[in-house]
Amino acid sequence: MPEFVNQDLTGSTFRSCDLIDVTMRGVELNRVTIRDSEVVDLDIHAAIGRLVVNGVDVGPLVEAELDRRYPDRPKMRPTTADGFRAGWDTVERLWAGTVSRARQLDPALLHESVDGEWSFIETLRHLSFATDCWVRRAVLGDPSPWDPLDLPWDGMADTPGVPRDRDARPTLDEALAVRHSRMATVRSYVDALTDDTLQGETQPVDGPGWPPARAFPIAECLRVVLNEEWSIASTPSGT
């Protein structure tokens, strides 16, 4: 069957099409309309905004149920400096347990991918990259904060100066050395964070990399890292 990669299908219309067993990863489904169709066993893992099913906006229902299942989840939407500190406390606690379980596994398993997802080691590398992007670059102003083990998301275009070594096979301790350094940076920043600082914006950073060179709300940058950290550590498998 055909595989569509980096294709722009904006405005497309599908009529009487068989989409059984279709897999979508990293796609944008904004303003999509599905009518007169059969939807059975549809499994969605996504950031959900307004989602209307048969006239009912189920987005708030989904959010409420996720908050019920994961009592720590509301802590990942902080609006105050104390809230960010509490959220990071939760992230550190969850990741301590996740790493402890990982150390009990055969090291080879930490490099295995399941269902096309990143391996555990690749996940650690990507989280280090996320912190470099949104805290060390955007918030702290380092134009090139990358470590050679940093791993951007697959859809990011190759960017001069930004590492993307998918063939690297660092040990758990090597990946954790970078990871712990980045987590310590966040810990130091949120410990000193004030409500006044949280209301501010970053200064645009020149040079290639991510995020682009424009100002961002500081709270938004911190929430990106907080939620990426929590969303992985809070899964049943810890990966």
C-alpha atoms as a PDB file:
ATOM      1  CA  MET A   1       0.000   0.000   0.000  1.00  0.00           C
ATOM      2  CA  PRO A   2       1.191   3.576  -0.615  1.00  0.00           C
ATOM      3  CA  GLU A   3       3.042   5.453   2.102  1.00  0.00           C
ATOM      4  CA  PHE A   4       2.656   9.210   2.328  1.00  0.00           C
ATOM      5  CA  VAL A   5       5.622  10.985   3.947  1.00  0.00           C
ATOM      6  CA  ASN A   6       5.934  14.773   4.227  1.00  0.00           C
ATOM      7  CA  GLN A   7       2.973  15.241   1.902  1.00  0.00           C
ATOM      8  CA  ASP A   8       0.639  18.234   1.984  1.00  0.00           C
ATOM      9  CA  LEU A   9      -2.922  16.926   1.536  1.00  0.00           C
ATOM     10  CA  THR A  10      -4.580  20.152   2.720  1.00  0.00           C
ATOM     11  CA  GLY A  11      -8.080  20.491   1.291  1.00  0.00           C
ATOM     12  CA  SER A  12      -8.237  16.918  -0.009  1.00  0.00           C
ATOM     13  CA  THR A  13     -11.573  15.099  -0.249  1.00  0.00           C
ATOM     14  CA  PHE A  14     -11.935  11.343   0.281  1.00  0.00           C
ATOM     15  CA  ARG A  15     -15.193   9.782  -0.943  1.00  0.00           C
ATOM     16  CA  SER A  16     -16.134   6.119  -0.603  1.00  0.00           C
ATOM     17  CA  CYS A  17     -12.560   5.287   0.362  1.00  0.00           C
ATOM     18  CA  ASP A  18     -11.379   2.270   2.341  1.00  0.00           C
ATOM     19  CA  LEU A  19      -9.176   3.551   5.182  1.00  0.00           C
ATOM     20  CA  ILE A  20      -9.218   0.342   7.216  1.00  0.00           C
ATOM     21  CA  ASP A  21      -5.974  -0.312   9.150  1.00  0.00           C
ATOM     22  CA  VAL A  22      -4.573   3.113   8.255  1.00  0.00           C
ATOM     23  CA  THR A  23      -1.793   4.359  10.562  1.00  0.00           C
ATOM     24  CA  MET A  24      -1.135   8.076  10.981  1.00  0.00           C
ATOM     25  CA  ARG A  25       1.844   9.505  12.863  1.00  0.00           C
ATOM     26  CA  GLY A  26       2.747  13.145  13.296  1.00  0.00           C
ATOM     27  CA  VAL A  27      -0.139  14.376  11.162  1.00  0.00           C
ATOM     28  CA  GLU A  28      -2.204  17.544  11.480  1.00  0.00           C
ATOM     29  CA  LEU A  29      -5.950  16.895  11.440  1.00  0.00           C
ATOM     30  CA  ASN A  30      -7.096  20.452  12.086  1.00  0.00           C
ATOM     31  CA  ARG A  31     -10.576  21.346  10.812  1.00  0.00           C
ATOM     32  CA  VAL A  32     -11.225  17.833   9.480  1.00  0.00           C
ATOM     33  CA  THR A  33     -14.842  16.864   8.815  1.00  0.00           C
ATOM     34  CA  ILE A  34     -16.009  13.238   8.651  1.00  0.00           C
ATOM     35  CA  ARG A  35     -19.646  12.640   7.650  1.00  0.00           C
ATOM     36  CA  ASP A  36     -21.783   9.661   6.688  1.00  0.00           C
ATOM     37  CA  SER A  37     -18.971   7.314   7.676  1.00  0.00           C
ATOM     38  CA  GLU A  38     -18.457   4.312   9.907  1.00  0.00           C
ATOM     39  CA  VAL A  39     -15.909   4.665  12.698  1.00  0.00           C
ATOM     40  CA  VAL A  40     -15.127   1.479  14.639  1.00  0.00           C
ATOM     41  CA  ASP A  41     -12.039   0.850  16.816  1.00  0.00           C
ATOM     42  CA  LEU A  42     -10.588   4.298  16.203  1.00  0.00           C
ATOM     43  CA  ASP A  43      -7.608   4.784  18.535  1.00  0.00           C
ATOM     44  CA  ILE A  44      -6.342   8.370  18.869  1.00  0.00           C
ATOM     45  CA  HIS A  45      -3.375   9.509  20.923  1.00  0.00           C
ATOM     46  CA  ALA A  46      -3.083  13.234  20.301  1.00  0.00           C
ATOM     47  CA  ALA A  47      -3.283  16.733  21.694  1.00  0.00           C
ATOM     48  CA  ILE A  48      -7.031  17.200  21.419  1.00  0.00           C
ATOM     49  CA  GLY A  49      -8.706  20.569  21.191  1.00  0.00           C
ATOM     50  CA  ARG A  50     -12.276  20.853  19.974  1.00  0.00           C
ATOM     51  CA  LEU A  51     -13.450  17.373  18.982  1.00  0.00           C
ATOM     52  CA  VAL A  52     -17.117  17.069  18.069  1.00  0.00           C
ATOM     53  CA  VAL A  53     -18.621  13.585  17.756  1.00  0.00           C
ATOM     54  CA  ASN A  54     -22.246  13.407  16.617  1.00  0.00           C
ATOM     55  CA  GLY A  55     -22.828  16.964  17.769  1.00  0.00           C
ATOM     56  CA  VAL A  56     -21.133  16.550  21.175  1.00  0.00           C
ATOM     57  CA  ASP A  57     -17.838  18.296  21.968  1.00  0.00           C
ATOM     58  CA  VAL A  58     -16.024  15.424  23.705  1.00  0.00           C
ATOM     59  CA  GLY A  59     -12.746  17.279  24.211  1.00  0.00           C
ATOM     60  CA  PRO A  60     -13.602  18.473  27.757  1.00  0.00           C
ATOM     61  CA  LEU A  61     -14.893  14.988  28.619  1.00  0.00           C
ATOM     62  CA  VAL A  62     -11.600  13.436  27.544  1.00  0.00           C
ATOM     63  CA  GLU A  63      -9.603  15.982  29.540  1.00  0.00           C
ATOM     64  CA  ALA A  64     -11.687  15.400  32.670  1.00  0.00           C
ATOM     65  CA  GLU A  65     -11.333  11.624  32.402  1.00  0.00           C
ATOM     66  CA  LEU A  66      -7.560  11.847  31.940  1.00  0.00           C
ATOM     67  CA  ASP A  67      -7.311  14.084  35.002  1.00  0.00           C
ATOM     68  CA  ARG A  68      -9.322  11.509  36.947  1.00  0.00           C
ATOM     69  CA  ARG A  69      -7.081   8.650  35.847  1.00  0.00           C
ATOM     70  CA  TYR A  70      -3.866  10.558  36.461  1.00  0.00           C
ATOM     71  CA  PRO A  71      -4.203  12.758  39.560  1.00  0.00           C
ATOM     72  CA  ASP A  72      -0.806  14.359  38.893  1.00  0.00           C
ATOM     73  CA  ARG A  73      -1.883  15.529  35.442  1.00  0.00           C
ATOM     74  CA  PRO A  74      -3.424  18.871  36.524  1.00  0.00           C
ATOM     75  CA  LYS A  75      -0.036  19.778  38.011  1.00  0.00           C
ATOM     76  CA  MET A  76       1.301  19.929  34.459  1.00  0.00           C
ATOM     77  CA  ARG A  77      -0.790  23.071  33.797  1.00  0.00           C
ATOM     78  CA  PRO A  78       0.774  25.422  36.343  1.00  0.00           C
ATOM     79  CA  THR A  79       0.241  29.179  36.283  1.00  0.00           C
ATOM     80  CA  THR A  80       2.477  30.198  39.201  1.00  0.00           C
ATOM     81  CA  ALA A  81       6.132  29.756  40.109  1.00  0.00           C
ATOM     82  CA  ASP A  82       5.175  27.487  42.999  1.00  0.00           C
ATOM     83  CA  GLY A  83       3.058  25.464  40.593  1.00  0.00           C
ATOM     84  CA  PHE A  84       6.012  24.920  38.277  1.00  0.00           C
ATOM     85  CA  ARG A  85       8.156  23.817  41.199  1.00  0.00           C
ATOM     86  CA  ALA A  86       5.488  21.328  42.274  1.00  0.00           C
ATOM     87  CA  GLY A  87       5.148  20.067  38.711  1.00  0.00           C
ATOM     88  CA  TRP A  88       8.892  19.529  38.389  1.00  0.00           C
ATOM     89  CA  ASP A  89       8.932  17.729  41.741  1.00  0.00           C
ATOM     90  CA  THR A  90       6.412  15.306  40.240  1.00  0.00           C
ATOM     91  CA  VAL A  91       8.473  14.834  37.068  1.00  0.00           C
ATOM     92  CA  GLU A  92      11.617  14.068  39.063  1.00  0.00           C
ATOM     93  CA  ARG A  93       9.762  11.552  41.220  1.00  0.00           C
ATOM     94  CA  LEU A  94       8.243   9.729  38.259  1.00  0.00           C
ATOM     95  CA  TRP A  95      11.500   9.614  36.311  1.00  0.00           C
ATOM     96  CA  ALA A  96      13.432   8.267  39.281  1.00  0.00           C
ATOM     97  CA  GLY A  97      11.108   5.264  39.275  1.00  0.00           C
ATOM     98  CA  THR A  98      11.261   4.894  35.499  1.00  0.00           C
ATOM     99  CA  VAL A  99      15.070   4.881  35.422  1.00  0.00           C
ATOM    100  CA  SER A 100      15.175   2.431  38.325  1.00  0.00           C
ATOM    101  CA  ARG A 101      13.024  -0.002  36.310  1.00  0.00           C
ATOM    102  CA  ALA A 102      15.129   0.540  33.195  1.00  0.00           C
ATOM    103  CA  ARG A 103      18.299  -0.446  35.057  1.00  0.00           C
ATOM    104  CA  GLN A 104      16.765  -3.848  35.747  1.00  0.00           C
ATOM    105  CA  LEU A 105      16.371  -4.619  32.030  1.00  0.00           C
ATOM    106  CA  ASP A 106      18.805  -6.219  29.622  1.00  0.00           C
ATOM    107  CA  PRO A 107      20.767  -3.241  28.174  1.00  0.00           C
ATOM    108  CA  ALA A 108      19.950  -4.437  24.666  1.00  0.00           C
ATOM    109  CA  LEU A 109      16.242  -3.915  25.327  1.00  0.00           C
ATOM    110  CA  LEU A 110      16.848  -0.228  26.005  1.00  0.00           C
ATOM    111  CA  HIS A 111      17.737   0.194  22.315  1.00  0.00           C
ATOM    112  CA  GLU A 112      14.704  -1.680  20.968  1.00  0.00           C
ATOM    113  CA  SER A 113      11.855   0.097  19.206  1.00  0.00           C
ATOM    114  CA  VAL A 114       8.267  -1.110  19.613  1.00  0.00           C
ATOM    115  CA  ASP A 115       5.573  -0.275  17.040  1.00  0.00           C
ATOM    116  CA  GLY A 116       7.791   2.302  15.378  1.00  0.00           C
ATOM    117  CA  GLU A 117       8.278   4.347  18.558  1.00  0.00           C
ATOM    118  CA  TRP A 118      11.634   5.468  19.879  1.00  0.00           C
ATOM    119  CA  SER A 119      13.625   3.150  22.090  1.00  0.00           C
ATOM    120  CA  PHE A 120      14.087   4.059  25.751  1.00  0.00           C
ATOM    121  CA  ILE A 121      17.573   5.447  25.081  1.00  0.00           C
ATOM    122  CA  GLU A 122      16.317   7.482  22.120  1.00  0.00           C
ATOM    123  CA  THR A 123      13.542   8.846  24.314  1.00  0.00           C
ATOM    124  CA  LEU A 124      16.075  10.031  26.888  1.00  0.00           C
ATOM    125  CA  ARG A 125      18.078  11.666  24.115  1.00  0.00           C
ATOM    126  CA  HIS A 126      15.020  13.453  22.768  1.00  0.00           C
ATOM    127  CA  LEU A 127      14.044  14.781  26.197  1.00  0.00           C
ATOM    128  CA  SER A 128      17.544  16.229  26.542  1.00  0.00           C
ATOM    129  CA  PHE A 129      17.030  17.882  23.152  1.00  0.00           C
ATOM    130  CA  ALA A 130      13.664  19.304  24.251  1.00  0.00           C
ATOM    131  CA  THR A 131      15.249  20.877  27.321  1.00  0.00           C
ATOM    132  CA  ASP A 132      18.067  22.301  25.213  1.00  0.00           C
ATOM    133  CA  CYS A 133      15.491  23.831  22.859  1.00  0.00           C
ATOM    134  CA  TRP A 134      12.984  25.321  25.237  1.00  0.00           C
ATOM    135  CA  VAL A 135      15.015  26.060  28.366  1.00  0.00           C
ATOM    136  CA  ARG A 136      18.696  26.429  27.480  1.00  0.00           C
ATOM    137  CA  ARG A 137      18.091  28.068  24.067  1.00  0.00           C
ATOM    138  CA  ALA A 138      14.738  29.859  24.298  1.00  0.00           C
ATOM    139  CA  VAL A 139      14.695  30.828  27.984  1.00  0.00           C
ATOM    140  CA  LEU A 140      18.404  31.052  28.876  1.00  0.00           C
ATOM    141  CA  GLY A 141      19.505  32.404  25.503  1.00  0.00           C
ATOM    142  CA  ASP A 142      22.180  29.905  24.456  1.00  0.00           C
ATOM    143  CA  PRO A 143      21.992  29.879  20.626  1.00  0.00           C
ATOM    144  CA  SER A 144      23.655  26.464  20.338  1.00  0.00           C
ATOM    145  CA  PRO A 145      23.042  24.408  23.491  1.00  0.00           C
ATOM    146  CA  TRP A 146      23.120  21.001  21.829  1.00  0.00           C
ATOM    147  CA  ASP A 147      24.928  17.892  23.006  1.00  0.00           C
ATOM    148  CA  PRO A 148      26.091  15.399  20.334  1.00  0.00           C
ATOM    149  CA  LEU A 149      23.601  12.866  21.755  1.00  0.00           C
ATOM    150  CA  ASP A 150      20.623  15.214  21.426  1.00  0.00           C
ATOM    151  CA  LEU A 151      17.927  13.740  19.181  1.00  0.00           C
ATOM    152  CA  PRO A 152      15.386  15.971  17.387  1.00  0.00           C
ATOM    153  CA  TRP A 153      11.962  14.670  16.464  1.00  0.00           C
ATOM    154  CA  ASP A 154      11.902  12.727  13.198  1.00  0.00           C
ATOM    155  CA  GLY A 155       9.986  15.368  11.258  1.00  0.00           C
ATOM    156  CA  MET A 156      12.430  18.180  11.972  1.00  0.00           C
ATOM    157  CA  ALA A 157      14.425  19.224   8.931  1.00  0.00           C
ATOM    158  CA  ASP A 158      18.180  18.718   9.084  1.00  0.00           C
ATOM    159  CA  THR A 159      19.609  21.921  10.521  1.00  0.00           C
ATOM    160  CA  PRO A 160      23.282  22.973  10.435  1.00  0.00           C
ATOM    161  CA  GLY A 161      24.842  22.613  13.851  1.00  0.00           C
ATOM    162  CA  VAL A 162      21.979  20.583  15.328  1.00  0.00           C
ATOM    163  CA  PRO A 163      22.917  16.922  15.925  1.00  0.00           C
ATOM    164  CA  ARG A 164      20.844  14.047  14.564  1.00  0.00           C
ATOM    165  CA  ASP A 165      22.801  10.820  15.009  1.00  0.00           C
ATOM    166  CA  ARG A 166      20.164   8.084  14.801  1.00  0.00           C
ATOM    167  CA  ASP A 167      22.882   5.430  14.666  1.00  0.00           C
ATOM    168  CA  ALA A 168      24.429   6.346  18.018  1.00  0.00           C
ATOM    169  CA  ARG A 169      24.151   3.622  20.648  1.00  0.00           C
ATOM    170  CA  PRO A 170      25.150   5.223  23.937  1.00  0.00           C
ATOM    171  CA  THR A 171      24.901   3.227  27.133  1.00  0.00           C
ATOM    172  CA  LEU A 172      22.193   4.064  29.629  1.00  0.00           C
ATOM    173  CA  ASP A 173      24.721   5.834  31.841  1.00  0.00           C
ATOM    174  CA  GLU A 174      26.029   7.885  28.910  1.00  0.00           C
ATOM    175  CA  ALA A 175      22.515   8.995  27.953  1.00  0.00           C
ATOM    176  CA  LEU A 176      21.668   9.706  31.583  1.00  0.00           C
ATOM    177  CA  ALA A 177      24.756  11.869  32.049  1.00  0.00           C
ATOM    178  CA  VAL A 178      23.374  14.345  29.510  1.00  0.00           C
ATOM    179  CA  ARG A 179      19.859  13.884  30.772  1.00  0.00           C
ATOM    180  CA  HIS A 180      20.710  14.572  34.418  1.00  0.00           C
ATOM    181  CA  SER A 181      22.630  17.687  33.394  1.00  0.00           C
ATOM    182  CA  ARG A 182      19.549  19.025  31.581  1.00  0.00           C
ATOM    183  CA  MET A 183      17.192  18.122  34.414  1.00  0.00           C
ATOM    184  CA  ALA A 184      19.501  19.930  36.835  1.00  0.00           C
ATOM    185  CA  THR A 185      19.277  23.026  34.632  1.00  0.00           C
ATOM    186  CA  VAL A 186      15.488  22.981  34.839  1.00  0.00           C
ATOM    187  CA  ARG A 187      15.604  22.336  38.590  1.00  0.00           C
ATOM    188  CA  SER A 188      17.877  25.329  39.122  1.00  0.00           C
ATOM    189  CA  TYR A 189      15.719  27.572  36.951  1.00  0.00           C
ATOM    190  CA  VAL A 190      12.349  26.721  38.513  1.00  0.00           C
ATOM    191  CA  ASP A 191      13.801  26.939  42.026  1.00  0.00           C
ATOM    192  CA  ALA A 192      14.698  30.579  41.345  1.00  0.00           C
ATOM    193  CA  LEU A 193      11.548  31.320  39.323  1.00  0.00           C
ATOM    194  CA  THR A 194       9.251  34.128  40.458  1.00  0.00           C
ATOM    195  CA  ASP A 195       5.710  34.930  39.422  1.00  0.00           C
ATOM    196  CA  ASP A 196       6.911  38.171  37.834  1.00  0.00           C
ATOM    197  CA  THR A 197       9.487  36.340  35.710  1.00  0.00           C
ATOM    198  CA  LEU A 198       6.848  33.830  34.688  1.00  0.00           C
ATOM    199  CA  GLN A 199       4.792  36.615  33.131  1.00  0.00           C
ATOM    200  CA  GLY A 200       7.636  37.628  30.837  1.00  0.00           C
ATOM    201  CA  GLU A 201       8.793  36.603  27.380  1.00  0.00           C
ATOM    202  CA  THR A 202      12.064  35.225  26.059  1.00  0.00           C
ATOM    203  CA  GLN A 203      14.495  37.230  23.946  1.00  0.00           C
ATOM    204  CA  PRO A 204      14.819  36.029  20.321  1.00  0.00           C
ATOM    205  CA  VAL A 205      17.933  33.902  19.807  1.00  0.00           C
ATOM    206  CA  ASP A 206      19.961  34.204  16.616  1.00  0.00           C
ATOM    207  CA  GLY A 207      21.412  31.156  14.934  1.00  0.00           C
ATOM    208  CA  PRO A 208      20.069  27.929  13.440  1.00  0.00           C
ATOM    209  CA  GLY A 209      18.081  25.591  15.643  1.00  0.00           C
ATOM    210  CA  TRP A 210      14.761  25.187  17.343  1.00  0.00           C
ATOM    211  CA  PRO A 211      12.667  27.036  18.392  1.00  0.00           C
ATOM    212  CA  PRO A 212      12.869  29.758  15.738  1.00  0.00           C
ATOM    213  CA  ALA A 213      14.272  33.182  16.531  1.00  0.00           C
ATOM    214  CA  ARG A 214      11.263  34.921  18.051  1.00  0.00           C
ATOM    215  CA  ALA A 215       9.960  35.721  21.507  1.00  0.00           C
ATOM    216  CA  PHE A 216       7.944  33.138  23.462  1.00  0.00           C
ATOM    217  CA  PRO A 217       6.089  33.374  26.769  1.00  0.00           C
ATOM    218  CA  ILE A 218       8.393  31.912  29.411  1.00  0.00           C
ATOM    219  CA  ALA A 219       5.495  29.940  30.896  1.00  0.00           C
ATOM    220  CA  GLU A 220       4.821  28.348  27.504  1.00  0.00           C
ATOM    221  CA  CYS A 221       8.443  27.218  27.130  1.00  0.00           C
ATOM    222  CA  LEU A 222       8.452  25.634  30.573  1.00  0.00           C
ATOM    223  CA  ARG A 223       5.121  23.882  30.006  1.00  0.00           C
ATOM    224  CA  VAL A 224       6.427  22.289  26.801  1.00  0.00           C
ATOM    225  CA  VAL A 225       9.247  20.621  28.731  1.00  0.00           C
ATOM    226  CA  LEU A 226       7.075  19.804  31.736  1.00  0.00           C
ATOM    227  CA  ASN A 227       4.432  18.055  29.655  1.00  0.00           C
ATOM    228  CA  GLU A 228       6.874  16.138  27.458  1.00  0.00           C
ATOM    229  CA  GLU A 229       8.593  14.851  30.577  1.00  0.00           C
ATOM    230  CA  TRP A 230       5.370  13.906  32.324  1.00  0.00           C
ATOM    231  CA  SER A 231       3.603  12.367  29.326  1.00  0.00           C
ATOM    232  CA  ILE A 232       6.375   9.774  28.943  1.00  0.00           C
ATOM    233  CA  ALA A 233       7.138   9.075  32.586  1.00  0.00           C
ATOM    234  CA  SER A 234       3.443   8.700  33.471  1.00  0.00           C
ATOM    235  CA  THR A 235       2.700   5.935  30.960  1.00  0.00           C
ATOM    236  CA  PRO A 236       2.263   2.457  32.482  1.00  0.00           C
ATOM    237  CA  SER A 237       5.471   1.196  30.876  1.00  0.00           C
ATOM    238  CA  GLY A 238       7.432   4.323  31.660  1.00  0.00           C
ATOM    239  CA  THR A 239       8.428   4.675  28.001  1.00  0.00           C
END
